PDB file of N, CA and C in Angstrom:
ATOM      1  N   MET A   1       1.299  -1.246   0.148  1.00  0.00           N
ATOM      2  CA  MET A   1      -0.025  -0.097  -0.074  1.00  0.00           C
ATOM      3  C   MET A   1       0.996   1.367  -0.009  1.00  0.00           C
ATOM      4  N   SER A   2       2.292   1.020   0.699  1.00  0.00           N
ATOM      5  CA  SER A   2       2.879   2.312   0.596  1.00  0.00           C
ATOM      6  C   SER A   2       3.584   2.691  -0.856  1.00  0.00           C
ATOM      7  N   LYS A   3       3.598   1.885  -1.379  1.00  0.00           N
ATOM      8  CA  LYS A   3       3.986   1.821  -2.934  1.00  0.00           C
ATOM      9  C   LYS A   3       3.001   2.809  -3.583  1.00  0.00           C
ATOM     10  N   MET A   4       1.571   2.688  -3.394  1.00  0.00           N
ATOM     11  CA  MET A   4       0.642   3.585  -3.975  1.00  0.00           C
ATOM     12  C   MET A   4       0.771   5.208  -3.565  1.00  0.00           C
ATOM     13  N   LEU A   5       1.712   5.596  -2.773  1.00  0.00           N
ATOM     14  CA  LEU A   5       1.748   6.697  -2.628  1.00  0.00           C
ATOM     15  C   LEU A   5       3.252   7.034  -2.717  1.00  0.00           C
ATOM     16  N   ASP A   6       3.787   6.314  -2.972  1.00  0.00           N
ATOM     17  CA  ASP A   6       5.206   6.714  -3.900  1.00  0.00           C
ATOM     18  C   ASP A   6       4.816   7.624  -5.163  1.00  0.00           C
ATOM     19  N   ILE A   7       6.058   8.859  -5.091  1.00  0.00           N
ATOM     20  CA  ILE A   7       5.889   9.661  -5.839  1.00  0.00           C
ATOM     21  C   ILE A   7       6.928   9.272  -7.396  1.00  0.00           C
ATOM     22  N   TYR A   8       6.475   9.031  -8.330  1.00  0.00           N
ATOM     23  CA  TYR A   8       7.159   8.896  -9.643  1.00  0.00           C
ATOM     24  C   TYR A   8       7.583  10.062 -10.102  1.00  0.00           C
ATOM     25  N   THR A   9       8.774   9.988 -10.566  1.00  0.00           N
ATOM     26  CA  THR A   9       9.307  11.230 -11.390  1.00  0.00           C
ATOM     27  C   THR A   9      10.245  11.011 -12.358  1.00  0.00           C
ATOM     28  N   THR A  10       9.787  11.985 -13.264  1.00  0.00           N
ATOM     29  CA  THR A  10      10.745  11.619 -14.885  1.00  0.00           C
ATOM     30  C   THR A  10      11.490  12.844 -15.120  1.00  0.00           C
ATOM     31  N   SER A  11      12.240  12.833 -15.928  1.00  0.00           N
ATOM     32  CA  SER A  11      13.034  14.019 -16.269  1.00  0.00           C
ATOM     33  C   SER A  11      12.492  14.671 -16.923  1.00  0.00           C
ATOM     34  N   GLY A  12      12.677  16.018 -17.215  1.00  0.00           N
ATOM     35  CA  GLY A  12      12.250  16.998 -18.800  1.00  0.00           C
ATOM     36  C   GLY A  12      11.089  17.859 -17.902  1.00  0.00           C
ATOM     37  N   ARG A  13       9.849  17.424 -18.109  1.00  0.00           N
ATOM     38  CA  ARG A  13       8.447  17.909 -17.947  1.00  0.00           C
ATOM     39  C   ARG A  13       8.037  18.424 -16.544  1.00  0.00           C
ATOM     40  N   PRO A  14       7.613  19.260 -16.382  1.00  0.00           N
ATOM     41  CA  PRO A  14       7.361  19.515 -14.801  1.00  0.00           C
ATOM     42  C   PRO A  14       6.347  18.898 -14.130  1.00  0.00           C
ATOM     43  N   PRO A  15       5.813  18.378 -13.330  1.00  0.00           N
ATOM     44  CA  PRO A  15       5.018  17.618 -12.659  1.00  0.00           C
ATOM     45  C   PRO A  15       3.817  18.496 -13.118  1.00  0.00           C
ATOM     46  N   ALA A  16       2.308  17.783 -13.309  1.00  0.00           N
ATOM     47  CA  ALA A  16       1.161  18.702 -13.406  1.00  0.00           C
ATOM     48  C   ALA A  16       0.661  18.864 -12.027  1.00  0.00           C
ATOM     49  N   ILE A  17       0.881  18.199 -10.997  1.00  0.00           N
ATOM     50  CA  ILE A  17       0.491  18.677  -9.635  1.00  0.00           C
ATOM     51  C   ILE A  17       1.164  19.675  -9.015  1.00  0.00           C
ATOM     52  N   PRO A  18       1.319  20.852  -8.549  1.00  0.00           N
ATOM     53  CA  PRO A  18       2.657  21.375  -7.779  1.00  0.00           C
ATOM     54  C   PRO A  18       2.989  20.754  -6.505  1.00  0.00           C
ATOM     55  N   PRO A  19       4.628  20.842  -6.011  1.00  0.00           N
ATOM     56  CA  PRO A  19       4.369  19.939  -4.959  1.00  0.00           C
ATOM     57  C   PRO A  19       3.694  20.212  -3.611  1.00  0.00           C
ATOM     58  N   TYR A  20       3.274  21.547  -3.523  1.00  0.00           N
ATOM     59  CA  TYR A  20       2.664  22.134  -2.329  1.00  0.00           C
ATOM     60  C   TYR A  20       1.247  21.289  -2.310  1.00  0.00           C
ATOM     61  N   ILE A  21       0.402  20.937  -3.657  1.00  0.00           N
ATOM     62  CA  ILE A  21      -0.474  20.186  -3.787  1.00  0.00           C
ATOM     63  C   ILE A  21      -0.202  19.175  -2.960  1.00  0.00           C
ATOM     64  N   GLN A  22       0.983  18.190  -4.170  1.00  0.00           N
ATOM     65  CA  GLN A  22       1.053  16.896  -3.695  1.00  0.00           C
ATOM     66  C   GLN A  22       0.940  16.755  -1.861  1.00  0.00           C
ATOM     67  N   GLN A  23       1.843  17.570  -1.442  1.00  0.00           N
ATOM     68  CA  GLN A  23       1.956  17.602  -0.149  1.00  0.00           C
ATOM     69  C   GLN A  23       0.609  17.399   0.856  1.00  0.00           C
ATOM     70  N   ALA A  24      -0.054  18.480   0.581  1.00  0.00           N
ATOM     71  CA  ALA A  24      -1.431  18.456   0.815  1.00  0.00           C
ATOM     72  C   ALA A  24      -2.363  17.407   0.720  1.00  0.00           C
ATOM     73  N   LEU A  25      -2.251  16.645  -0.557  1.00  0.00           N
ATOM     74  CA  LEU A  25      -3.114  15.828  -0.879  1.00  0.00           C
ATOM     75  C   LEU A  25      -2.290  14.649   0.417  1.00  0.00           C
ATOM     76  N   ILE A  26      -1.083  14.260   0.621  1.00  0.00           N
ATOM     77  CA  ILE A  26      -0.280  13.481   1.880  1.00  0.00           C
ATOM     78  C   ILE A  26      -0.805  13.594   2.847  1.00  0.00           C
ATOM     79  N   ASN A  27      -0.778  14.503   3.074  1.00  0.00           N
ATOM     80  CA  ASN A  27      -1.153  15.262   4.901  1.00  0.00           C
ATOM     81  C   ASN A  27      -2.844  14.795   4.855  1.00  0.00           C
ATOM     82  N   GLU A  28      -3.821  15.135   3.776  1.00  0.00           N
ATOM     83  CA  GLU A  28      -4.987  14.451   4.088  1.00  0.00           C
ATOM     84  C   GLU A  28      -5.163  13.018   4.188  1.00  0.00           C
ATOM     85  N   LEU A  29      -4.580  12.409   3.435  1.00  0.00           N
ATOM     86  CA  LEU A  29      -4.390  10.870   3.296  1.00  0.00           C
ATOM     87  C   LEU A  29      -4.066  10.284   4.444  1.00  0.00           C
ATOM     88  N   LYS A  30      -3.112  10.784   5.057  1.00  0.00           N
ATOM     89  CA  LYS A  30      -3.286  10.727   6.281  1.00  0.00           C
ATOM     90  C   LYS A  30      -3.778  10.604   7.443  1.00  0.00           C
ATOM     91  N   GLU A  31      -4.930  11.413   7.529  1.00  0.00           N
ATOM     92  CA  GLU A  31      -5.821  11.608   8.387  1.00  0.00           C
ATOM     93  C   GLU A  31      -6.809  10.882   8.447  1.00  0.00           C
ATOM     94  N   LYS A  32      -7.174  10.221   9.277  1.00  0.00           N
ATOM     95  CA  LYS A  32      -7.985   9.174   9.290  1.00  0.00           C
ATOM     96  C   LYS A  32      -9.600   9.299   8.646  1.00  0.00           C
ATOM     97  N   GLU A  33      -9.653  10.640   8.658  1.00  0.00           N
ATOM     98  CA  GLU A  33     -11.121  10.868   7.969  1.00  0.00           C
ATOM     99  C   GLU A  33     -10.634  10.746   6.500  1.00  0.00           C
ATOM    100  N   GLY A  34      -9.516  11.118   5.820  1.00  0.00           N
ATOM    101  CA  GLY A  34      -9.202  11.508   4.704  1.00  0.00           C
ATOM    102  C   GLY A  34     -10.150  12.290   3.630  1.00  0.00           C
ATOM    103  N   PHE A  35     -10.325  11.630   2.601  1.00  0.00           N
ATOM    104  CA  PHE A  35     -11.592  12.542   1.851  1.00  0.00           C
ATOM    105  C   PHE A  35     -12.615  12.023   1.871  1.00  0.00           C
ATOM    106  N   SER A  36     -13.725  12.894   1.702  1.00  0.00           N
ATOM    107  CA  SER A  36     -14.986  12.344   1.769  1.00  0.00           C
ATOM    108  C   SER A  36     -15.442  11.763   0.684  1.00  0.00           C
ATOM    109  N   SER A  37     -14.979  12.568  -0.655  1.00  0.00           N
ATOM    110  CA  SER A  37     -15.398  12.447  -2.223  1.00  0.00           C
ATOM    111  C   SER A  37     -14.569  12.829  -2.959  1.00  0.00           C
ATOM    112  N   TYR A  38     -14.766  12.729  -4.534  1.00  0.00           N
ATOM    113  CA  TYR A  38     -13.591  12.644  -5.381  1.00  0.00           C
ATOM    114  C   TYR A  38     -13.872  14.155  -5.408  1.00  0.00           C
ATOM    115  N   LYS A  39     -15.083  14.805  -5.217  1.00  0.00           N
ATOM    116  CA  LYS A  39     -15.353  16.399  -5.017  1.00  0.00           C
ATOM    117  C   LYS A  39     -14.189  16.773  -4.474  1.00  0.00           C
ATOM    118  N   GLU A  40     -14.072  16.806  -3.176  1.00  0.00           N
ATOM    119  CA  GLU A  40     -13.119  17.071  -2.534  1.00  0.00           C
ATOM    120  C   GLU A  40     -11.681  17.501  -3.017  1.00  0.00           C
ATOM    121  N   ILE A  41     -11.544  15.970  -3.046  1.00  0.00           N
ATOM    122  CA  ILE A  41     -10.002  15.875  -4.065  1.00  0.00           C
ATOM    123  C   ILE A  41      -9.941  16.739  -5.264  1.00  0.00           C
ATOM    124  N   ARG A  42     -10.969  16.673  -5.835  1.00  0.00           N
ATOM    125  CA  ARG A  42     -10.576  17.581  -7.256  1.00  0.00           C
ATOM    126  C   ARG A  42     -10.638  19.173  -6.647  1.00  0.00           C
ATOM    127  N   SER A  43     -11.444  19.732  -5.401  1.00  0.00           N
ATOM    128  CA  SER A  43     -11.247  21.132  -5.299  1.00  0.00           C
ATOM    129  C   SER A  43      -9.874  21.209  -4.701  1.00  0.00           C
ATOM    130  N   LEU A  44      -9.440  20.496  -3.749  1.00  0.00           N
ATOM    131  CA  LEU A  44      -7.811  20.372  -2.979  1.00  0.00           C
ATOM    132  C   LEU A  44      -7.009  21.000  -4.261  1.00  0.00           C
ATOM    133  N   VAL A  45      -7.187  20.173  -5.089  1.00  0.00           N
ATOM    134  CA  VAL A  45      -6.211  20.105  -6.785  1.00  0.00           C
ATOM    135  C   VAL A  45      -6.073  21.450  -7.677  1.00  0.00           C
ATOM    136  N   ILE A  46      -7.680  21.372  -7.814  1.00  0.00           N
ATOM    137  CA  ILE A  46      -7.717  22.773  -8.419  1.00  0.00           C
ATOM    138  C   ILE A  46      -7.569  24.188  -7.563  1.00  0.00           C
ATOM    139  N   TYR A  47      -8.029  24.205  -6.491  1.00  0.00           N
ATOM    140  CA  TYR A  47      -8.130  25.968  -6.036  1.00  0.00           C
ATOM    141  C   TYR A  47      -7.054  25.684  -4.997  1.00  0.00           C
ATOM    142  N   GLY A  48      -6.478  24.235  -4.426  1.00  0.00           N
ATOM    143  CA  GLY A  48      -5.591  24.297  -3.354  1.00  0.00           C
ATOM    144  C   GLY A  48      -6.288  24.542  -2.072  1.00  0.00           C
ATOM    145  N   SER A  49      -7.133  24.270  -2.085  1.00  0.00           N
ATOM    146  CA  SER A  49      -7.930  24.576  -0.480  1.00  0.00           C
ATOM    147  C   SER A  49      -8.989  23.758  -0.399  1.00  0.00           C
TER     148      SER A  49
END
């Protein structure tokens, strides 16, 4: 399961999701509640909140 959270990096193109958003996702996934819906994840990725 921990392999699912590994971040694959390639050379060249910058990541589609900025590092600060990636960290926010990781932090939220570590919480007991996690995300309640896809919409909540999408909101975090698009708006950063």
